Amino acid sequence: MKKIMSTLAIMFLALSVACAKADRPIKVEQLPAAAQKFLESHFPGVKISYAKIDDEFIYKEYEVLLADGTFIEFKGDGEWKDVDCKRNAVPAAIVPAEIHEYVNANYPNTKITKIDRDRRDYEITLSNHLELTFDMKFNLVDLDD
């Protein structure tokens, strides 16, 4: 019985170490090519404060903080996942046209300061702190203040 418990404890410890979150800083050059191109295209000339990798057992994600306070998350392949520009507007080129049109028509004196996308939806935050969620067909599905 003692051997079984020892073996289970060792297996649990080994699994815990293997699945442990490896969150470490990296050089900008170590970001995927798609992430580097995104930064060059949409944030030219903005200094990068830090970049880091979140290397999980099953997947990788990257985080970048720019000197102007913008925080960007990238998927393992380098595609953007979340862009938070704090008080500044998110680059218009990354916001789908349908979402831009909706915001311009319904909230003309605001700007999009954050955008988050996943397989199911887009979530945006406006400068008035209103949060809007759109499905993948760009229909408004949720509104939160």
N, C-alpha and C. Protein backbone atom coordinates (compact mmCIF):
# COMPACT_ATOMS: atom_id res chain seq x y z
N MET A 1 0.82 -1.19 0.00
CA MET A 1 0.00 0.00 0.00
C MET A 1 0.87 1.26 0.00
N LYS A 2 1.97 1.21 0.79
CA LYS A 2 2.88 2.35 0.84
C LYS A 2 3.51 2.61 -0.52
N LYS A 3 3.85 1.54 -1.22
CA LYS A 3 4.47 1.68 -2.55
C LYS A 3 3.48 2.33 -3.53
N ILE A 4 2.24 1.94 -3.45
CA ILE A 4 1.23 2.50 -4.34
C ILE A 4 1.06 3.99 -4.07
N MET A 5 0.99 4.35 -2.79
CA MET A 5 0.84 5.76 -2.43
C MET A 5 2.07 6.56 -2.86
N SER A 6 3.25 6.00 -2.69
CA SER A 6 4.49 6.67 -3.11
C SER A 6 4.49 6.87 -4.62
N THR A 7 4.14 5.83 -5.33
CA THR A 7 4.12 5.90 -6.79
C THR A 7 3.11 6.94 -7.26
N LEU A 8 1.93 6.97 -6.66
CA LEU A 8 0.92 7.96 -7.03
C LEU A 8 1.40 9.37 -6.71
N ALA A 9 2.04 9.55 -5.58
CA ALA A 9 2.55 10.87 -5.21
C ALA A 9 3.61 11.34 -6.20
N ILE A 10 4.50 10.45 -6.59
CA ILE A 10 5.55 10.80 -7.56
C ILE A 10 4.93 11.11 -8.92
N MET A 11 3.96 10.32 -9.33
CA MET A 11 3.29 10.58 -10.62
C MET A 11 2.57 11.93 -10.59
N PHE A 12 1.90 12.24 -9.49
CA PHE A 12 1.20 13.51 -9.35
C PHE A 12 2.19 14.67 -9.40
N LEU A 13 3.30 14.53 -8.71
CA LEU A 13 4.32 15.58 -8.72
C LEU A 13 4.89 15.76 -10.12
N ALA A 14 5.18 14.67 -10.81
CA ALA A 14 5.72 14.75 -12.18
C ALA A 14 4.71 15.41 -13.11
N LEU A 15 3.45 15.06 -13.00
CA LEU A 15 2.42 15.67 -13.83
C LEU A 15 2.27 17.15 -13.51
N SER A 16 2.34 17.51 -12.25
CA SER A 16 2.24 18.92 -11.86
C SER A 16 3.38 19.73 -12.44
N VAL A 17 4.58 19.19 -12.40
CA VAL A 17 5.74 19.89 -12.96
C VAL A 17 5.61 20.01 -14.47
N ALA A 18 5.15 18.94 -15.12
CA ALA A 18 4.99 18.97 -16.58
C ALA A 18 3.94 19.97 -17.02
N CYS A 19 2.91 20.13 -16.23
CA CYS A 19 1.83 21.04 -16.58
C CYS A 19 2.02 22.45 -16.01
N ALA A 20 3.10 22.64 -15.30
CA ALA A 20 3.32 23.94 -14.66
C ALA A 20 3.42 25.04 -15.69
N LYS A 21 2.90 26.16 -15.33
CA LYS A 21 2.91 27.33 -16.20
C LYS A 21 4.32 27.89 -16.31
N ALA A 22 4.80 28.00 -17.52
CA ALA A 22 6.12 28.58 -17.76
C ALA A 22 5.92 29.95 -18.38
N ASP A 23 5.85 30.95 -17.54
CA ASP A 23 5.61 32.32 -17.96
C ASP A 23 6.94 33.04 -17.84
N ARG A 24 7.57 33.35 -18.99
CA ARG A 24 8.90 33.94 -18.93
C ARG A 24 9.07 35.02 -19.99
N PRO A 25 9.92 35.99 -19.72
CA PRO A 25 10.18 37.05 -20.70
C PRO A 25 10.94 36.51 -21.90
N ILE A 26 10.69 37.12 -23.06
CA ILE A 26 11.40 36.76 -24.28
C ILE A 26 11.79 38.04 -25.01
N LYS A 27 12.66 37.88 -26.00
CA LYS A 27 13.02 39.01 -26.86
C LYS A 27 11.95 39.15 -27.93
N VAL A 28 11.79 40.35 -28.43
CA VAL A 28 10.78 40.61 -29.46
C VAL A 28 11.00 39.71 -30.66
N GLU A 29 12.25 39.44 -30.97
CA GLU A 29 12.58 38.59 -32.11
C GLU A 29 12.10 37.15 -31.92
N GLN A 30 11.77 36.77 -30.70
CA GLN A 30 11.28 35.43 -30.43
C GLN A 30 9.77 35.30 -30.58
N LEU A 31 9.10 36.43 -30.81
CA LEU A 31 7.66 36.38 -31.09
C LEU A 31 7.45 35.73 -32.45
N PRO A 32 6.31 35.08 -32.66
CA PRO A 32 6.02 34.54 -33.99
C PRO A 32 6.03 35.65 -35.04
N ALA A 33 6.34 35.29 -36.27
CA ALA A 33 6.43 36.27 -37.36
C ALA A 33 5.14 37.07 -37.51
N ALA A 34 3.99 36.42 -37.36
CA ALA A 34 2.71 37.13 -37.50
C ALA A 34 2.55 38.20 -36.43
N ALA A 35 3.00 37.93 -35.22
CA ALA A 35 2.92 38.91 -34.13
C ALA A 35 3.86 40.08 -34.40
N GLN A 36 5.05 39.80 -34.87
CA GLN A 36 6.00 40.86 -35.19
C GLN A 36 5.46 41.76 -36.30
N LYS A 37 4.86 41.13 -37.32
CA LYS A 37 4.29 41.91 -38.43
C LYS A 37 3.12 42.77 -37.93
N PHE A 38 2.28 42.22 -37.06
CA PHE A 38 1.16 42.95 -36.49
C PHE A 38 1.65 44.20 -35.77
N LEU A 39 2.67 44.04 -34.95
CA LEU A 39 3.22 45.17 -34.20
C LEU A 39 3.80 46.23 -35.13
N GLU A 40 4.53 45.79 -36.15
CA GLU A 40 5.12 46.73 -37.11
C GLU A 40 4.04 47.47 -37.90
N SER A 41 2.98 46.76 -38.26
CA SER A 41 1.91 47.35 -39.07
C SER A 41 1.02 48.32 -38.30
N HIS A 42 0.63 47.92 -37.10
CA HIS A 42 -0.39 48.67 -36.36
C HIS A 42 0.16 49.58 -35.25
N PHE A 43 1.40 49.35 -34.86
CA PHE A 43 2.01 50.18 -33.81
C PHE A 43 3.43 50.57 -34.20
N PRO A 44 3.59 51.15 -35.41
CA PRO A 44 4.95 51.49 -35.86
C PRO A 44 5.58 52.56 -34.97
N GLY A 45 6.82 52.35 -34.64
CA GLY A 45 7.54 53.34 -33.84
C GLY A 45 7.24 53.34 -32.36
N VAL A 46 6.30 52.50 -31.91
CA VAL A 46 5.99 52.44 -30.47
C VAL A 46 6.95 51.41 -29.84
N LYS A 47 7.65 51.85 -28.82
CA LYS A 47 8.63 51.01 -28.15
C LYS A 47 7.93 49.88 -27.40
N ILE A 48 8.55 48.72 -27.41
CA ILE A 48 8.01 47.57 -26.69
C ILE A 48 8.66 47.51 -25.31
N SER A 49 7.85 47.59 -24.28
CA SER A 49 8.35 47.53 -22.91
C SER A 49 8.79 46.12 -22.54
N TYR A 50 7.96 45.15 -22.87
CA TYR A 50 8.35 43.76 -22.65
C TYR A 50 7.50 42.84 -23.51
N ALA A 51 8.03 41.65 -23.71
CA ALA A 51 7.30 40.56 -24.36
C ALA A 51 7.54 39.33 -23.51
N LYS A 52 6.52 38.50 -23.40
CA LYS A 52 6.70 37.26 -22.66
C LYS A 52 5.87 36.15 -23.26
N ILE A 53 6.27 34.94 -22.97
CA ILE A 53 5.57 33.76 -23.45
C ILE A 53 4.92 33.06 -22.27
N ASP A 54 3.72 32.61 -22.48
CA ASP A 54 3.00 31.80 -21.51
C ASP A 54 2.98 30.41 -22.13
N ASP A 55 3.94 29.59 -21.75
CA ASP A 55 4.13 28.29 -22.39
C ASP A 55 3.51 27.20 -21.53
N GLU A 56 2.26 26.92 -21.83
CA GLU A 56 1.54 25.87 -21.11
C GLU A 56 1.89 24.52 -21.71
N PHE A 57 1.47 23.49 -21.08
CA PHE A 57 1.74 22.13 -21.55
C PHE A 57 1.13 21.88 -22.92
N ILE A 58 -0.07 22.41 -23.16
CA ILE A 58 -0.80 22.13 -24.39
C ILE A 58 -0.72 23.27 -25.40
N TYR A 59 -0.56 24.50 -24.97
CA TYR A 59 -0.59 25.63 -25.88
C TYR A 59 0.40 26.71 -25.44
N LYS A 60 0.61 27.67 -26.34
CA LYS A 60 1.45 28.82 -26.06
C LYS A 60 0.66 30.08 -26.34
N GLU A 61 0.90 31.11 -25.55
CA GLU A 61 0.37 32.44 -25.81
C GLU A 61 1.48 33.43 -25.54
N TYR A 62 1.36 34.59 -26.16
CA TYR A 62 2.36 35.63 -26.00
C TYR A 62 1.68 36.90 -25.50
N GLU A 63 2.39 37.67 -24.69
CA GLU A 63 1.89 38.95 -24.21
C GLU A 63 2.94 40.01 -24.50
N VAL A 64 2.46 41.18 -24.92
CA VAL A 64 3.35 42.30 -25.22
C VAL A 64 2.77 43.55 -24.57
N LEU A 65 3.63 44.31 -23.90
CA LEU A 65 3.24 45.59 -23.35
C LEU A 65 4.05 46.66 -24.07
N LEU A 66 3.36 47.64 -24.63
CA LEU A 66 4.02 48.73 -25.34
C LEU A 66 4.24 49.90 -24.39
N ALA A 67 5.17 50.76 -24.74
CA ALA A 67 5.52 51.90 -23.89
C ALA A 67 4.35 52.85 -23.67
N ASP A 68 3.39 52.89 -24.59
CA ASP A 68 2.23 53.78 -24.43
C ASP A 68 1.13 53.16 -23.56
N GLY A 69 1.40 51.96 -23.00
CA GLY A 69 0.43 51.31 -22.12
C GLY A 69 -0.43 50.27 -22.82
N THR A 70 -0.33 50.15 -24.13
CA THR A 70 -1.12 49.17 -24.87
C THR A 70 -0.66 47.76 -24.51
N PHE A 71 -1.63 46.89 -24.24
CA PHE A 71 -1.37 45.50 -23.90
C PHE A 71 -1.97 44.62 -24.99
N ILE A 72 -1.16 43.70 -25.53
CA ILE A 72 -1.62 42.85 -26.62
C ILE A 72 -1.33 41.39 -26.27
N GLU A 73 -2.33 40.53 -26.50
CA GLU A 73 -2.15 39.09 -26.34
C GLU A 73 -2.22 38.45 -27.72
N PHE A 74 -1.33 37.48 -27.95
CA PHE A 74 -1.29 36.75 -29.20
C PHE A 74 -1.46 35.27 -28.93
N LYS A 75 -2.11 34.58 -29.87
CA LYS A 75 -2.19 33.12 -29.80
C LYS A 75 -0.82 32.55 -30.17
N GLY A 76 -0.67 31.27 -30.02
CA GLY A 76 0.59 30.60 -30.30
C GLY A 76 1.09 30.79 -31.72
N ASP A 77 0.17 30.97 -32.66
CA ASP A 77 0.57 31.16 -34.06
C ASP A 77 0.88 32.61 -34.39
N GLY A 78 0.72 33.51 -33.40
CA GLY A 78 1.03 34.92 -33.60
C GLY A 78 -0.15 35.78 -33.99
N GLU A 79 -1.33 35.20 -34.13
CA GLU A 79 -2.52 35.99 -34.43
C GLU A 79 -2.97 36.70 -33.16
N TRP A 80 -3.41 37.95 -33.30
CA TRP A 80 -3.81 38.69 -32.12
C TRP A 80 -5.09 38.12 -31.53
N LYS A 81 -5.16 38.20 -30.22
CA LYS A 81 -6.30 37.69 -29.47
C LYS A 81 -7.00 38.83 -28.73
N ASP A 82 -6.21 39.75 -28.17
CA ASP A 82 -6.74 40.82 -27.34
C ASP A 82 -5.84 42.04 -27.50
N VAL A 83 -6.45 43.20 -27.74
CA VAL A 83 -5.71 44.45 -27.84
C VAL A 83 -6.40 45.45 -26.93
N ASP A 84 -5.67 45.91 -25.92
CA ASP A 84 -6.20 46.86 -24.94
C ASP A 84 -5.35 48.12 -24.99
N CYS A 85 -5.90 49.19 -25.57
CA CYS A 85 -5.17 50.45 -25.73
C CYS A 85 -5.44 51.43 -24.60
N LYS A 86 -6.06 50.97 -23.54
CA LYS A 86 -6.38 51.80 -22.36
C LYS A 86 -7.26 52.98 -22.75
N ARG A 87 -6.69 54.17 -22.90
CA ARG A 87 -7.48 55.35 -23.24
C ARG A 87 -7.41 55.70 -24.73
N ASN A 88 -6.50 55.09 -25.44
CA ASN A 88 -6.35 55.38 -26.87
C ASN A 88 -7.25 54.47 -27.70
N ALA A 89 -7.47 54.85 -28.93
CA ALA A 89 -8.30 54.04 -29.82
C ALA A 89 -7.51 52.85 -30.37
N VAL A 90 -8.18 51.73 -30.46
CA VAL A 90 -7.61 50.55 -31.10
C VAL A 90 -7.41 50.89 -32.58
N PRO A 91 -6.33 50.42 -33.20
CA PRO A 91 -6.15 50.68 -34.64
C PRO A 91 -7.38 50.23 -35.44
N ALA A 92 -7.90 51.13 -36.23
CA ALA A 92 -9.13 50.86 -36.98
C ALA A 92 -9.02 49.64 -37.88
N ALA A 93 -7.84 49.37 -38.39
CA ALA A 93 -7.66 48.26 -39.33
C ALA A 93 -7.93 46.89 -38.70
N ILE A 94 -7.87 46.77 -37.38
CA ILE A 94 -8.10 45.45 -36.78
C ILE A 94 -9.55 45.25 -36.35
N VAL A 95 -10.35 46.29 -36.43
CA VAL A 95 -11.76 46.20 -36.05
C VAL A 95 -12.57 45.90 -37.31
N PRO A 96 -13.37 44.83 -37.30
CA PRO A 96 -14.21 44.55 -38.47
C PRO A 96 -15.09 45.75 -38.83
N ALA A 97 -15.27 45.96 -40.11
CA ALA A 97 -16.03 47.11 -40.61
C ALA A 97 -17.45 47.16 -40.03
N GLU A 98 -18.09 46.02 -39.89
CA GLU A 98 -19.46 45.97 -39.37
C GLU A 98 -19.52 46.49 -37.92
N ILE A 99 -18.51 46.18 -37.15
CA ILE A 99 -18.47 46.66 -35.77
C ILE A 99 -18.22 48.16 -35.75
N HIS A 100 -17.30 48.62 -36.60
CA HIS A 100 -17.04 50.06 -36.69
C HIS A 100 -18.31 50.81 -37.07
N GLU A 101 -19.03 50.30 -38.06
CA GLU A 101 -20.26 50.95 -38.50
C GLU A 101 -21.28 51.02 -37.36
N TYR A 102 -21.43 49.92 -36.63
CA TYR A 102 -22.39 49.90 -35.51
C TYR A 102 -22.01 50.93 -34.46
N VAL A 103 -20.74 50.96 -34.09
CA VAL A 103 -20.28 51.90 -33.06
C VAL A 103 -20.45 53.34 -33.54
N ASN A 104 -20.06 53.63 -34.78
CA ASN A 104 -20.19 54.98 -35.31
C ASN A 104 -21.65 55.43 -35.37
N ALA A 105 -22.55 54.52 -35.71
CA ALA A 105 -23.97 54.86 -35.81
C ALA A 105 -24.63 55.04 -34.44
N ASN A 106 -24.24 54.23 -33.47
CA ASN A 106 -24.93 54.23 -32.17
C ASN A 106 -24.20 54.96 -31.05
N TYR A 107 -22.91 55.12 -31.19
CA TYR A 107 -22.10 55.79 -30.15
C TYR A 107 -21.08 56.70 -30.84
N PRO A 108 -21.56 57.74 -31.53
CA PRO A 108 -20.68 58.55 -32.39
C PRO A 108 -19.57 59.31 -31.67
N ASN A 109 -19.70 59.58 -30.42
CA ASN A 109 -18.67 60.36 -29.71
C ASN A 109 -17.75 59.48 -28.88
N THR A 110 -17.66 58.21 -29.22
CA THR A 110 -16.79 57.30 -28.48
C THR A 110 -15.77 56.67 -29.42
N LYS A 111 -14.80 56.03 -28.81
CA LYS A 111 -13.82 55.27 -29.60
C LYS A 111 -13.68 53.89 -28.97
N ILE A 112 -13.25 52.94 -29.77
CA ILE A 112 -13.03 51.58 -29.29
C ILE A 112 -11.65 51.55 -28.65
N THR A 113 -11.60 51.23 -27.36
CA THR A 113 -10.32 51.22 -26.64
C THR A 113 -9.79 49.81 -26.39
N LYS A 114 -10.66 48.82 -26.55
CA LYS A 114 -10.24 47.44 -26.34
C LYS A 114 -11.04 46.53 -27.26
N ILE A 115 -10.37 45.50 -27.80
CA ILE A 115 -11.05 44.49 -28.60
C ILE A 115 -10.47 43.13 -28.24
N ASP A 116 -11.37 42.18 -28.08
CA ASP A 116 -10.99 40.81 -27.71
C ASP A 116 -11.77 39.88 -28.62
N ARG A 117 -11.06 38.97 -29.25
CA ARG A 117 -11.76 38.03 -30.13
C ARG A 117 -11.40 36.60 -29.78
N ASP A 118 -12.36 35.73 -29.98
CA ASP A 118 -12.12 34.30 -29.85
C ASP A 118 -12.95 33.60 -30.92
N ARG A 119 -13.11 32.32 -30.81
CA ARG A 119 -13.83 31.57 -31.85
C ARG A 119 -15.31 31.87 -31.89
N ARG A 120 -15.87 32.41 -30.78
CA ARG A 120 -17.31 32.62 -30.72
C ARG A 120 -17.74 34.06 -30.92
N ASP A 121 -16.89 35.02 -30.52
CA ASP A 121 -17.37 36.39 -30.55
C ASP A 121 -16.25 37.42 -30.49
N TYR A 122 -16.66 38.67 -30.64
CA TYR A 122 -15.79 39.83 -30.46
C TYR A 122 -16.36 40.61 -29.28
N GLU A 123 -15.51 40.98 -28.36
CA GLU A 123 -15.92 41.85 -27.26
C GLU A 123 -15.14 43.15 -27.40
N ILE A 124 -15.85 44.26 -27.34
CA ILE A 124 -15.17 45.55 -27.43
C ILE A 124 -15.55 46.40 -26.22
N THR A 125 -14.65 47.29 -25.87
CA THR A 125 -14.91 48.26 -24.82
C THR A 125 -14.77 49.64 -25.44
N LEU A 126 -15.74 50.49 -25.15
CA LEU A 126 -15.72 51.84 -25.68
C LEU A 126 -15.11 52.80 -24.66
N SER A 127 -14.77 53.99 -25.12
CA SER A 127 -14.16 55.00 -24.25
C SER A 127 -15.11 55.44 -23.13
N ASN A 128 -16.41 55.19 -23.27
CA ASN A 128 -17.37 55.50 -22.20
C ASN A 128 -17.56 54.30 -21.26
N HIS A 129 -16.68 53.28 -21.40
CA HIS A 129 -16.64 52.06 -20.57
C HIS A 129 -17.77 51.08 -20.86
N LEU A 130 -18.53 51.31 -21.89
CA LEU A 130 -19.57 50.38 -22.29
C LEU A 130 -18.90 49.19 -22.98
N GLU A 131 -19.35 47.98 -22.66
CA GLU A 131 -18.80 46.77 -23.27
C GLU A 131 -19.86 46.15 -24.18
N LEU A 132 -19.48 45.90 -25.41
CA LEU A 132 -20.38 45.32 -26.40
C LEU A 132 -19.82 43.99 -26.86
N THR A 133 -20.70 43.02 -27.04
CA THR A 133 -20.29 41.70 -27.54
C THR A 133 -21.04 41.42 -28.82
N PHE A 134 -20.29 41.02 -29.85
CA PHE A 134 -20.84 40.69 -31.16
C PHE A 134 -20.53 39.23 -31.46
N ASP A 135 -21.50 38.55 -32.09
CA ASP A 135 -21.22 37.18 -32.52
C ASP A 135 -20.36 37.24 -33.79
N MET A 136 -20.05 36.09 -34.34
CA MET A 136 -19.17 36.05 -35.51
C MET A 136 -19.84 36.56 -36.80
N LYS A 137 -21.16 36.81 -36.72
CA LYS A 137 -21.86 37.42 -37.85
C LYS A 137 -22.08 38.90 -37.59
N PHE A 138 -21.43 39.42 -36.55
CA PHE A 138 -21.43 40.83 -36.17
C PHE A 138 -22.80 41.34 -35.70
N ASN A 139 -23.58 40.44 -35.12
CA ASN A 139 -24.83 40.84 -34.47
C ASN A 139 -24.52 41.15 -33.01
N LEU A 140 -25.06 42.24 -32.49
CA LEU A 140 -24.88 42.58 -31.10
C LEU A 140 -25.61 41.53 -30.25
N VAL A 141 -24.90 40.87 -29.33
CA VAL A 141 -25.52 39.83 -28.51
C VAL A 141 -25.51 40.17 -27.02
N ASP A 142 -24.71 41.16 -26.62
CA ASP A 142 -24.67 41.53 -25.21
C ASP A 142 -24.17 42.96 -25.07
N LEU A 143 -24.65 43.62 -24.05
CA LEU A 143 -24.28 45.00 -23.75
C LEU A 143 -24.11 45.10 -22.25
N ASP A 144 -22.99 45.63 -21.79
CA ASP A 144 -22.74 45.72 -20.36
C ASP A 144 -22.10 47.05 -20.05
N ASP A 145 -22.59 47.71 -19.02
CA ASP A 145 -21.98 49.00 -18.65
C ASP A 145 -21.19 48.92 -17.38
